[in-house]
Amino acid sequence: MKKISLFLITILMLTVSILAQVADSVRVSVTVQGTVFALGLQDSNGAPWSGDMNFGDVRPGESAYPPSALVVAACKSNTGRQWYLKVNSSSLKEPKAGYVLSPSLLSVYVGDPAERRQPALPGKRYAPGELPLKFTNDELTVYSSNALGDGGFAGGWGTFVPVGFGLTIPDTQREGTYSGIIRFTMTE
């Protein structure tokens, strides 16, 4: 009889502990965005672009395609419409003597210019035979999304378009430190 009573007490204790419960809570919030149409520039590691591109020392008659001349354009749109990524460049100027490098000496690639590879993207980028593109006074379209704005690509995080640059210095170019601006624009 003692064995049965002890057994029943053990079952009752287990039943009581099984019915015990502990709860906690977490606050939940969300901001539902309206239209997203954004362009951000990053380096090849995904960090925000520093704003400076340095081709280093290049001699007359040489070309340069440094790894530091690769910019990743982070393009995001939820409008469901096709968009275009464009670039243009000012002349590069040497301020002390007033020398100028034409923007046509800069070339642009979609992908890594050193490796001449193009990324897998859902929209239109230029075929290797069309590269490099040379700058003119007009904007160059380097990428266009698909008809739905690349919706859903990369899990909806946006389209990351690597844009690389090269530079060719003419044999007759005067020495100096030249600088200018390359502008990225995203339009619908």
N, C-alpha and C. Protein backbone atom coordinates (compact mmCIF):
# COMPACT_ATOMS: atom_id res chain seq x y z
N MET A 1 0.81 -1.19 0.00
CA MET A 1 0.00 0.00 0.00
C MET A 1 0.85 1.24 0.00
N LYS A 2 1.94 1.23 0.68
CA LYS A 2 2.82 2.39 0.72
C LYS A 2 3.40 2.68 -0.66
N LYS A 3 3.68 1.66 -1.41
CA LYS A 3 4.23 1.86 -2.75
C LYS A 3 3.22 2.55 -3.66
N ILE A 4 1.98 2.21 -3.57
CA ILE A 4 0.94 2.78 -4.43
C ILE A 4 0.71 4.24 -4.06
N SER A 5 0.67 4.60 -2.82
CA SER A 5 0.47 5.97 -2.38
C SER A 5 1.61 6.86 -2.85
N LEU A 6 2.79 6.38 -2.71
CA LEU A 6 3.95 7.16 -3.13
C LEU A 6 3.91 7.37 -4.65
N PHE A 7 3.49 6.36 -5.35
CA PHE A 7 3.38 6.44 -6.80
C PHE A 7 2.32 7.47 -7.20
N LEU A 8 1.17 7.50 -6.51
CA LEU A 8 0.12 8.46 -6.80
C LEU A 8 0.56 9.88 -6.47
N ILE A 9 1.29 10.09 -5.42
CA ILE A 9 1.80 11.42 -5.05
C ILE A 9 2.78 11.90 -6.12
N THR A 10 3.64 11.01 -6.62
CA THR A 10 4.60 11.37 -7.66
C THR A 10 3.85 11.78 -8.93
N ILE A 11 2.81 11.08 -9.31
CA ILE A 11 2.02 11.43 -10.50
C ILE A 11 1.34 12.77 -10.30
N LEU A 12 0.79 13.04 -9.13
CA LEU A 12 0.17 14.32 -8.84
C LEU A 12 1.18 15.45 -8.93
N MET A 13 2.37 15.27 -8.44
CA MET A 13 3.41 16.31 -8.49
C MET A 13 3.81 16.57 -9.95
N LEU A 14 3.94 15.53 -10.75
CA LEU A 14 4.27 15.70 -12.15
C LEU A 14 3.16 16.45 -12.89
N THR A 15 1.93 16.13 -12.56
CA THR A 15 0.80 16.78 -13.19
C THR A 15 0.80 18.26 -12.86
N VAL A 16 1.08 18.61 -11.63
CA VAL A 16 1.11 20.00 -11.21
C VAL A 16 2.24 20.74 -11.92
N SER A 17 3.42 20.14 -12.02
CA SER A 17 4.54 20.83 -12.66
C SER A 17 4.35 20.93 -14.17
N ILE A 18 3.66 20.02 -14.78
CA ILE A 18 3.39 20.10 -16.21
C ILE A 18 2.41 21.24 -16.50
N LEU A 19 1.52 21.52 -15.62
CA LEU A 19 0.54 22.56 -15.83
C LEU A 19 1.10 23.95 -15.54
N ALA A 20 2.24 24.05 -14.92
CA ALA A 20 2.84 25.35 -14.64
C ALA A 20 3.26 26.00 -15.95
N GLN A 21 3.29 27.32 -16.00
CA GLN A 21 3.55 28.03 -17.24
C GLN A 21 4.27 29.34 -16.95
N VAL A 22 5.17 29.74 -17.83
CA VAL A 22 5.88 31.00 -17.72
C VAL A 22 5.70 31.74 -19.04
N ALA A 23 5.51 33.05 -18.99
CA ALA A 23 5.30 33.83 -20.21
C ALA A 23 6.11 35.11 -20.16
N ASP A 24 6.45 35.61 -21.31
CA ASP A 24 7.13 36.89 -21.47
C ASP A 24 6.62 37.49 -22.77
N SER A 25 6.95 38.70 -23.07
CA SER A 25 6.45 39.31 -24.30
C SER A 25 7.52 40.16 -24.96
N VAL A 26 7.31 40.43 -26.21
CA VAL A 26 8.20 41.26 -27.01
C VAL A 26 7.33 42.27 -27.74
N ARG A 27 7.73 43.53 -27.74
CA ARG A 27 7.00 44.53 -28.51
C ARG A 27 7.31 44.35 -29.99
N VAL A 28 6.31 44.50 -30.80
CA VAL A 28 6.47 44.36 -32.25
C VAL A 28 6.05 45.66 -32.90
N SER A 29 6.86 46.12 -33.86
CA SER A 29 6.48 47.30 -34.63
C SER A 29 6.98 47.13 -36.06
N VAL A 30 6.35 47.82 -36.97
CA VAL A 30 6.76 47.77 -38.37
C VAL A 30 6.39 49.10 -39.00
N THR A 31 7.23 49.56 -39.91
CA THR A 31 6.92 50.73 -40.71
C THR A 31 6.69 50.25 -42.13
N VAL A 32 5.54 50.46 -42.64
CA VAL A 32 5.23 50.06 -44.01
C VAL A 32 5.62 51.22 -44.91
N GLN A 33 6.58 50.96 -45.78
CA GLN A 33 7.06 52.00 -46.67
C GLN A 33 6.13 52.15 -47.85
N GLY A 34 6.06 53.36 -48.33
CA GLY A 34 5.35 53.62 -49.57
C GLY A 34 6.28 53.28 -50.71
N THR A 35 6.38 54.15 -51.64
CA THR A 35 7.23 53.94 -52.80
C THR A 35 8.69 54.03 -52.40
N VAL A 36 9.47 53.05 -52.83
CA VAL A 36 10.91 53.05 -52.60
C VAL A 36 11.58 53.22 -53.94
N PHE A 37 12.40 54.23 -54.06
CA PHE A 37 13.18 54.46 -55.27
C PHE A 37 14.50 55.04 -54.78
N ALA A 38 15.51 54.20 -54.67
CA ALA A 38 16.73 54.62 -53.99
C ALA A 38 17.98 54.15 -54.73
N LEU A 39 19.02 54.94 -54.60
CA LEU A 39 20.33 54.64 -55.16
C LEU A 39 21.36 54.94 -54.10
N GLY A 40 22.20 53.97 -53.81
CA GLY A 40 23.30 54.17 -52.87
C GLY A 40 24.56 53.61 -53.48
N LEU A 41 25.68 54.24 -53.22
CA LEU A 41 26.95 53.76 -53.77
C LEU A 41 27.74 53.06 -52.67
N GLN A 42 28.31 51.90 -53.04
CA GLN A 42 29.07 51.09 -52.09
C GLN A 42 30.39 50.69 -52.72
N ASP A 43 31.34 50.29 -51.87
CA ASP A 43 32.56 49.70 -52.42
C ASP A 43 32.29 48.21 -52.66
N SER A 44 33.27 47.48 -53.14
CA SER A 44 33.05 46.08 -53.50
C SER A 44 32.77 45.19 -52.29
N ASN A 45 33.01 45.69 -51.07
CA ASN A 45 32.72 44.93 -49.86
C ASN A 45 31.34 45.23 -49.30
N GLY A 46 30.59 46.12 -49.94
CA GLY A 46 29.26 46.47 -49.46
C GLY A 46 29.24 47.62 -48.47
N ALA A 47 30.40 48.21 -48.21
CA ALA A 47 30.46 49.36 -47.30
C ALA A 47 30.08 50.62 -48.07
N PRO A 48 29.54 51.62 -47.39
CA PRO A 48 29.21 52.88 -48.10
C PRO A 48 30.45 53.44 -48.80
N TRP A 49 30.24 53.96 -50.01
CA TRP A 49 31.34 54.48 -50.82
C TRP A 49 31.95 55.69 -50.13
N SER A 50 33.26 55.75 -50.15
CA SER A 50 33.97 56.84 -49.47
C SER A 50 33.86 58.16 -50.21
N GLY A 51 33.51 58.09 -51.50
CA GLY A 51 33.41 59.31 -52.28
C GLY A 51 34.64 59.61 -53.09
N ASP A 52 35.72 58.85 -52.91
CA ASP A 52 36.96 59.10 -53.64
C ASP A 52 37.38 57.87 -54.43
N MET A 53 37.81 58.11 -55.66
CA MET A 53 38.35 57.07 -56.53
C MET A 53 39.72 57.54 -56.98
N ASN A 54 40.74 56.77 -56.69
CA ASN A 54 42.10 57.18 -57.03
C ASN A 54 42.70 56.16 -57.99
N PHE A 55 43.04 56.60 -59.18
CA PHE A 55 43.68 55.73 -60.17
C PHE A 55 45.17 55.57 -59.91
N GLY A 56 45.69 56.32 -58.96
CA GLY A 56 47.11 56.22 -58.65
C GLY A 56 47.97 56.93 -59.69
N ASP A 57 49.22 56.52 -59.78
CA ASP A 57 50.17 57.11 -60.74
C ASP A 57 50.06 56.36 -62.07
N VAL A 58 49.74 57.09 -63.12
CA VAL A 58 49.63 56.51 -64.45
C VAL A 58 50.50 57.34 -65.39
N ARG A 59 51.33 56.70 -66.15
CA ARG A 59 52.22 57.40 -67.08
C ARG A 59 51.53 57.65 -68.41
N PRO A 60 51.96 58.68 -69.13
CA PRO A 60 51.43 58.90 -70.48
C PRO A 60 51.58 57.64 -71.33
N GLY A 61 50.52 57.33 -72.08
CA GLY A 61 50.52 56.15 -72.93
C GLY A 61 50.05 54.88 -72.23
N GLU A 62 49.78 54.95 -70.93
CA GLU A 62 49.34 53.76 -70.19
C GLU A 62 47.85 53.83 -69.86
N SER A 63 47.31 52.66 -69.52
CA SER A 63 45.92 52.54 -69.05
C SER A 63 45.93 51.98 -67.64
N ALA A 64 44.90 52.29 -66.87
CA ALA A 64 44.79 51.78 -65.51
C ALA A 64 43.37 51.30 -65.25
N TYR A 65 43.26 50.15 -64.59
CA TYR A 65 41.98 49.58 -64.17
C TYR A 65 42.12 49.11 -62.72
N PRO A 66 42.33 50.01 -61.79
CA PRO A 66 42.60 49.58 -60.42
C PRO A 66 41.35 49.03 -59.72
N PRO A 67 41.54 48.11 -58.76
CA PRO A 67 40.40 47.59 -58.00
C PRO A 67 39.63 48.69 -57.27
N SER A 68 40.31 49.78 -56.94
CA SER A 68 39.63 50.88 -56.24
C SER A 68 38.68 51.64 -57.15
N ALA A 69 38.69 51.32 -58.45
CA ALA A 69 37.81 52.01 -59.40
C ALA A 69 36.56 51.18 -59.70
N LEU A 70 36.15 50.37 -58.73
CA LEU A 70 34.93 49.58 -58.85
C LEU A 70 33.93 50.11 -57.83
N VAL A 71 32.78 50.57 -58.32
CA VAL A 71 31.72 51.10 -57.47
C VAL A 71 30.50 50.21 -57.64
N VAL A 72 29.85 49.85 -56.54
CA VAL A 72 28.64 49.05 -56.61
C VAL A 72 27.45 49.99 -56.39
N ALA A 73 26.60 50.08 -57.41
CA ALA A 73 25.40 50.91 -57.31
C ALA A 73 24.28 50.03 -56.76
N ALA A 74 23.84 50.35 -55.54
CA ALA A 74 22.76 49.62 -54.90
C ALA A 74 21.44 50.29 -55.30
N CYS A 75 20.71 49.66 -56.21
CA CYS A 75 19.49 50.24 -56.77
C CYS A 75 18.27 49.49 -56.23
N LYS A 76 17.32 50.22 -55.71
CA LYS A 76 16.12 49.59 -55.16
C LYS A 76 14.90 50.37 -55.59
N SER A 77 13.93 49.64 -56.09
CA SER A 77 12.66 50.25 -56.50
C SER A 77 11.53 49.25 -56.29
N ASN A 78 10.44 49.72 -55.73
CA ASN A 78 9.26 48.86 -55.62
C ASN A 78 8.09 49.44 -56.41
N THR A 79 8.41 50.29 -57.38
CA THR A 79 7.36 50.92 -58.18
C THR A 79 6.80 49.98 -59.24
N GLY A 80 7.52 48.91 -59.55
CA GLY A 80 7.06 47.98 -60.58
C GLY A 80 7.27 48.48 -61.99
N ARG A 81 8.09 49.52 -62.15
CA ARG A 81 8.38 50.07 -63.47
C ARG A 81 9.88 49.93 -63.78
N GLN A 82 10.18 49.90 -65.05
CA GLN A 82 11.57 49.80 -65.48
C GLN A 82 12.32 51.06 -65.09
N TRP A 83 13.57 50.88 -64.65
CA TRP A 83 14.42 52.01 -64.30
C TRP A 83 15.77 51.84 -64.99
N TYR A 84 16.52 52.94 -65.02
CA TYR A 84 17.80 52.99 -65.74
C TYR A 84 18.88 53.54 -64.82
N LEU A 85 20.06 52.92 -64.87
CA LEU A 85 21.21 53.43 -64.15
C LEU A 85 22.13 54.09 -65.17
N LYS A 86 22.42 55.38 -64.93
CA LYS A 86 23.23 56.16 -65.87
C LYS A 86 24.44 56.75 -65.14
N VAL A 87 25.50 56.97 -65.89
CA VAL A 87 26.68 57.64 -65.34
C VAL A 87 27.13 58.71 -66.33
N ASN A 88 27.71 59.75 -65.80
CA ASN A 88 28.39 60.73 -66.65
C ASN A 88 29.58 61.29 -65.89
N SER A 89 30.51 61.87 -66.61
CA SER A 89 31.72 62.38 -66.01
C SER A 89 32.03 63.78 -66.49
N SER A 90 32.54 64.56 -65.58
CA SER A 90 33.07 65.86 -65.96
C SER A 90 34.47 65.66 -66.52
N SER A 91 35.03 66.70 -67.08
CA SER A 91 36.44 66.64 -67.45
C SER A 91 37.25 66.55 -66.16
N LEU A 92 38.41 65.94 -66.27
CA LEU A 92 39.33 65.89 -65.13
C LEU A 92 40.29 67.06 -65.29
N LYS A 93 40.41 67.85 -64.26
CA LYS A 93 41.22 69.07 -64.38
C LYS A 93 42.38 69.06 -63.40
N GLU A 94 43.47 69.65 -63.86
CA GLU A 94 44.65 69.87 -63.02
C GLU A 94 44.60 71.35 -62.66
N PRO A 95 44.27 71.70 -61.41
CA PRO A 95 43.97 73.10 -61.08
C PRO A 95 45.15 74.06 -61.13
N LYS A 96 46.36 73.60 -60.87
CA LYS A 96 47.51 74.52 -60.83
C LYS A 96 47.83 75.11 -62.20
N ALA A 97 47.95 74.24 -63.21
CA ALA A 97 48.31 74.71 -64.54
C ALA A 97 47.10 74.80 -65.48
N GLY A 98 45.96 74.29 -65.04
CA GLY A 98 44.76 74.37 -65.87
C GLY A 98 44.69 73.32 -66.96
N TYR A 99 45.46 72.24 -66.84
CA TYR A 99 45.39 71.16 -67.84
C TYR A 99 44.09 70.40 -67.66
N VAL A 100 43.65 69.76 -68.77
CA VAL A 100 42.37 69.05 -68.75
C VAL A 100 42.55 67.66 -69.37
N LEU A 101 41.88 66.68 -68.77
CA LEU A 101 41.74 65.35 -69.35
C LEU A 101 40.28 65.21 -69.78
N SER A 102 40.05 64.87 -71.01
CA SER A 102 38.70 64.72 -71.53
C SER A 102 38.00 63.53 -70.86
N PRO A 103 36.68 63.65 -70.61
CA PRO A 103 35.98 62.49 -70.06
C PRO A 103 36.03 61.28 -70.99
N SER A 104 36.30 61.48 -72.27
CA SER A 104 36.36 60.36 -73.22
C SER A 104 37.55 59.44 -72.94
N LEU A 105 38.48 59.87 -72.08
CA LEU A 105 39.62 59.02 -71.71
C LEU A 105 39.23 58.00 -70.64
N LEU A 106 38.08 58.22 -70.01
CA LEU A 106 37.55 57.28 -69.02
C LEU A 106 36.68 56.25 -69.72
N SER A 107 36.79 55.01 -69.30
CA SER A 107 35.91 53.96 -69.82
C SER A 107 35.14 53.37 -68.65
N VAL A 108 33.98 52.82 -68.95
CA VAL A 108 33.13 52.27 -67.91
C VAL A 108 32.69 50.86 -68.30
N TYR A 109 32.65 49.98 -67.30
CA TYR A 109 32.26 48.59 -67.48
C TYR A 109 31.16 48.26 -66.49
N VAL A 110 30.26 47.37 -66.87
CA VAL A 110 29.35 46.79 -65.90
C VAL A 110 30.01 45.48 -65.50
N GLY A 111 30.53 45.45 -64.29
CA GLY A 111 31.31 44.32 -63.81
C GLY A 111 32.69 44.80 -63.42
N ASP A 112 33.57 43.86 -63.14
CA ASP A 112 34.93 44.18 -62.73
C ASP A 112 35.79 44.42 -63.97
N PRO A 113 36.31 45.65 -64.16
CA PRO A 113 37.08 45.93 -65.38
C PRO A 113 38.38 45.14 -65.48
N ALA A 114 38.97 44.78 -64.36
CA ALA A 114 40.23 44.03 -64.40
C ALA A 114 39.99 42.61 -64.90
N GLU A 115 38.84 42.03 -64.56
CA GLU A 115 38.56 40.66 -64.94
C GLU A 115 37.68 40.56 -66.17
N ARG A 116 37.07 41.66 -66.59
CA ARG A 116 36.20 41.71 -67.76
C ARG A 116 35.04 40.71 -67.64
N ARG A 117 34.56 40.49 -66.40
CA ARG A 117 33.42 39.61 -66.19
C ARG A 117 32.19 40.44 -65.92
N GLN A 118 31.05 39.93 -66.34
CA GLN A 118 29.80 40.62 -66.07
C GLN A 118 28.97 39.82 -65.08
N PRO A 119 28.31 40.51 -64.18
CA PRO A 119 27.51 39.82 -63.17
C PRO A 119 26.20 39.29 -63.74
N ALA A 120 25.61 38.33 -63.05
CA ALA A 120 24.29 37.82 -63.42
C ALA A 120 23.24 38.77 -62.86
N LEU A 121 22.62 39.54 -63.72
CA LEU A 121 21.59 40.49 -63.32
C LEU A 121 20.37 40.28 -64.20
N PRO A 122 19.16 40.59 -63.70
CA PRO A 122 17.96 40.31 -64.48
C PRO A 122 17.68 41.29 -65.62
N GLY A 123 18.26 42.48 -65.58
CA GLY A 123 17.99 43.47 -66.61
C GLY A 123 19.02 43.45 -67.71
N LYS A 124 19.10 44.55 -68.47
CA LYS A 124 20.04 44.64 -69.59
C LYS A 124 21.33 45.34 -69.17
N ARG A 125 22.41 44.65 -69.38
CA ARG A 125 23.73 45.25 -69.24
C ARG A 125 24.40 45.05 -70.59
N TYR A 126 25.49 45.70 -70.79
CA TYR A 126 26.09 45.68 -72.10
C TYR A 126 26.93 44.43 -72.31
N ALA A 127 26.80 43.87 -73.50
CA ALA A 127 27.55 42.66 -73.84
C ALA A 127 29.03 42.98 -73.89
N PRO A 128 29.89 41.98 -73.64
CA PRO A 128 31.33 42.24 -73.64
C PRO A 128 31.84 42.94 -74.89
N GLY A 129 31.23 42.67 -76.06
CA GLY A 129 31.65 43.33 -77.29
C GLY A 129 31.36 44.82 -77.28
N GLU A 130 30.42 45.26 -76.44
CA GLU A 130 30.07 46.67 -76.36
C GLU A 130 30.91 47.42 -75.32
N LEU A 131 31.72 46.69 -74.59
CA LEU A 131 32.51 47.31 -73.53
C LEU A 131 33.94 47.50 -73.98
N PRO A 132 34.64 48.46 -73.52
CA PRO A 132 34.18 49.46 -72.56
C PRO A 132 33.38 50.56 -73.25
N LEU A 133 32.52 51.16 -72.50
CA LEU A 133 31.81 52.35 -72.97
C LEU A 133 32.69 53.55 -72.69
N LYS A 134 32.76 54.45 -73.61
CA LYS A 134 33.54 55.68 -73.44
C LYS A 134 32.62 56.83 -73.05
N PHE A 135 33.05 57.62 -72.13
CA PHE A 135 32.26 58.78 -71.73
C PHE A 135 32.23 59.81 -72.85
N THR A 136 31.11 60.48 -72.93
CA THR A 136 30.94 61.62 -73.82
C THR A 136 30.42 62.74 -72.93
N ASN A 137 29.86 63.76 -73.52
CA ASN A 137 29.27 64.82 -72.71
C ASN A 137 27.88 64.44 -72.20
N ASP A 138 27.33 63.34 -72.71
CA ASP A 138 25.99 62.88 -72.31
C ASP A 138 26.10 61.77 -71.27
N GLU A 139 24.98 61.51 -70.62
CA GLU A 139 24.93 60.38 -69.70
C GLU A 139 24.97 59.07 -70.48
N LEU A 140 25.63 58.07 -69.92
CA LEU A 140 25.65 56.73 -70.49
C LEU A 140 24.73 55.85 -69.67
N THR A 141 23.84 55.13 -70.31
CA THR A 141 23.03 54.15 -69.61
C THR A 141 23.87 52.88 -69.51
N VAL A 142 24.22 52.48 -68.29
CA VAL A 142 25.05 51.29 -68.11
C VAL A 142 24.23 50.07 -67.74
N TYR A 143 22.98 50.29 -67.28
CA TYR A 143 22.13 49.17 -66.90
C TYR A 143 20.68 49.61 -66.97
N SER A 144 19.81 48.73 -67.43
CA SER A 144 18.37 48.99 -67.33
C SER A 144 17.73 47.76 -66.73
N SER A 145 16.82 47.98 -65.79
CA SER A 145 16.15 46.87 -65.13
C SER A 145 15.23 46.16 -66.09
N ASN A 146 14.68 45.04 -65.65
CA ASN A 146 13.66 44.41 -66.48
C ASN A 146 12.39 45.26 -66.42
N ALA A 147 11.37 44.90 -67.15
CA ALA A 147 10.17 45.73 -67.27
C ALA A 147 9.46 45.98 -65.94
N LEU A 148 9.68 45.11 -64.97
CA LEU A 148 9.04 45.27 -63.66
C LEU A 148 9.99 45.85 -62.62
N GLY A 149 11.07 46.46 -63.05
CA GLY A 149 12.00 47.08 -62.11
C GLY A 149 12.81 46.09 -61.30
N ASP A 150 13.07 44.89 -61.86
CA ASP A 150 13.82 43.83 -61.17
C ASP A 150 13.11 43.39 -59.90
N GLY A 151 11.79 43.55 -59.82
CA GLY A 151 11.04 43.19 -58.63
C GLY A 151 11.31 41.76 -58.20
N GLY A 152 11.57 41.57 -56.92
CA GLY A 152 11.82 40.25 -56.36
C GLY A 152 13.24 39.74 -56.55
N PHE A 153 14.06 40.42 -57.35
CA PHE A 153 15.45 39.97 -57.55
C PHE A 153 16.21 40.11 -56.23
N ALA A 154 17.09 39.18 -55.95
CA ALA A 154 17.90 39.17 -54.73
C ALA A 154 17.02 39.23 -53.48
N GLY A 155 15.90 38.51 -53.53
CA GLY A 155 15.01 38.47 -52.38
C GLY A 155 14.36 39.81 -52.09
N GLY A 156 14.26 40.68 -53.09
CA GLY A 156 13.66 41.99 -52.90
C GLY A 156 14.58 43.01 -52.27
N TRP A 157 15.85 42.67 -52.10
CA TRP A 157 16.81 43.62 -51.50
C TRP A 157 17.27 44.67 -52.48
N GLY A 158 16.98 44.49 -53.75
CA GLY A 158 17.40 45.45 -54.76
C GLY A 158 18.39 44.81 -55.71
N THR A 159 18.86 45.60 -56.63
CA THR A 159 19.82 45.15 -57.63
C THR A 159 21.14 45.85 -57.36
N PHE A 160 22.20 45.08 -57.21
CA PHE A 160 23.52 45.64 -56.95
C PHE A 160 24.32 45.54 -58.25
N VAL A 161 24.56 46.68 -58.87
CA VAL A 161 25.20 46.73 -60.18
C VAL A 161 26.65 47.19 -59.99
N PRO A 162 27.63 46.28 -60.21
CA PRO A 162 29.03 46.69 -60.10
C PRO A 162 29.43 47.46 -61.36
N VAL A 163 29.96 48.64 -61.16
CA VAL A 163 30.36 49.50 -62.27
C VAL A 163 31.84 49.81 -62.09
N GLY A 164 32.65 49.35 -63.04
CA GLY A 164 34.08 49.56 -62.97
C GLY A 164 34.53 50.61 -63.97
N PHE A 165 35.62 51.25 -63.65
CA PHE A 165 36.14 52.34 -64.49
C PHE A 165 37.59 52.08 -64.86
N GLY A 166 37.95 52.54 -66.03
CA GLY A 166 39.32 52.50 -66.50
C GLY A 166 39.71 53.88 -67.01
N LEU A 167 40.97 54.08 -67.19
CA LEU A 167 41.48 55.38 -67.63
C LEU A 167 42.68 55.15 -68.54
N THR A 168 42.70 55.83 -69.68
CA THR A 168 43.84 55.77 -70.60
C THR A 168 44.40 57.18 -70.72
N ILE A 169 45.69 57.31 -70.48
CA ILE A 169 46.36 58.61 -70.56
C ILE A 169 47.06 58.73 -71.91
N PRO A 170 46.78 59.80 -72.67
CA PRO A 170 47.45 59.98 -73.97
C PRO A 170 48.96 60.17 -73.80
N ASP A 171 49.69 59.83 -74.85
CA ASP A 171 51.15 59.97 -74.83
C ASP A 171 51.59 61.41 -74.57
N THR A 172 50.79 62.37 -74.98
CA THR A 172 51.18 63.78 -74.90
C THR A 172 50.63 64.50 -73.66
N GLN A 173 50.00 63.76 -72.75
CA GLN A 173 49.37 64.41 -71.60
C GLN A 173 50.40 65.01 -70.65
N ARG A 174 50.15 66.23 -70.21
CA ARG A 174 51.03 66.91 -69.27
C ARG A 174 50.89 66.32 -67.88
N GLU A 175 51.99 66.33 -67.13
CA GLU A 175 51.95 65.78 -65.78
C GLU A 175 51.15 66.69 -64.85
N GLY A 176 50.62 66.10 -63.82
CA GLY A 176 49.83 66.85 -62.84
C GLY A 176 48.86 65.92 -62.15
N THR A 177 48.19 66.43 -61.14
CA THR A 177 47.16 65.68 -60.42
C THR A 177 45.81 66.20 -60.87
N TYR A 178 45.06 65.36 -61.54
CA TYR A 178 43.78 65.73 -62.15
C TYR A 178 42.62 65.20 -61.29
N SER A 179 41.54 65.93 -61.26
CA SER A 179 40.36 65.45 -60.53
C SER A 179 39.09 65.92 -61.23
N GLY A 180 38.00 65.21 -60.97
CA GLY A 180 36.71 65.53 -61.55
C GLY A 180 35.63 64.77 -60.82
N ILE A 181 34.47 64.70 -61.41
CA ILE A 181 33.31 64.05 -60.78
C ILE A 181 32.71 63.03 -61.74
N ILE A 182 32.38 61.86 -61.22
CA ILE A 182 31.55 60.89 -61.93
C ILE A 182 30.23 60.84 -61.19
N ARG A 183 29.14 61.08 -61.91
CA ARG A 183 27.82 61.13 -61.27
C ARG A 183 26.99 59.92 -61.71
N PHE A 184 26.36 59.28 -60.73
CA PHE A 184 25.44 58.17 -60.97
C PHE A 184 24.01 58.70 -60.84
N THR A 185 23.14 58.28 -61.75
CA THR A 185 21.75 58.70 -61.70
C THR A 185 20.86 57.49 -61.98
N MET A 186 19.79 57.36 -61.20
CA MET A 186 18.80 56.31 -61.42
C MET A 186 17.51 56.99 -61.80
N THR A 187 16.95 56.64 -62.96
CA THR A 187 15.71 57.27 -63.43
C THR A 187 14.71 56.20 -63.88
N GLU A 188 13.45 56.59 -63.93
CA GLU A 188 12.42 55.72 -64.51
C GLU A 188 12.08 56.24 -65.89
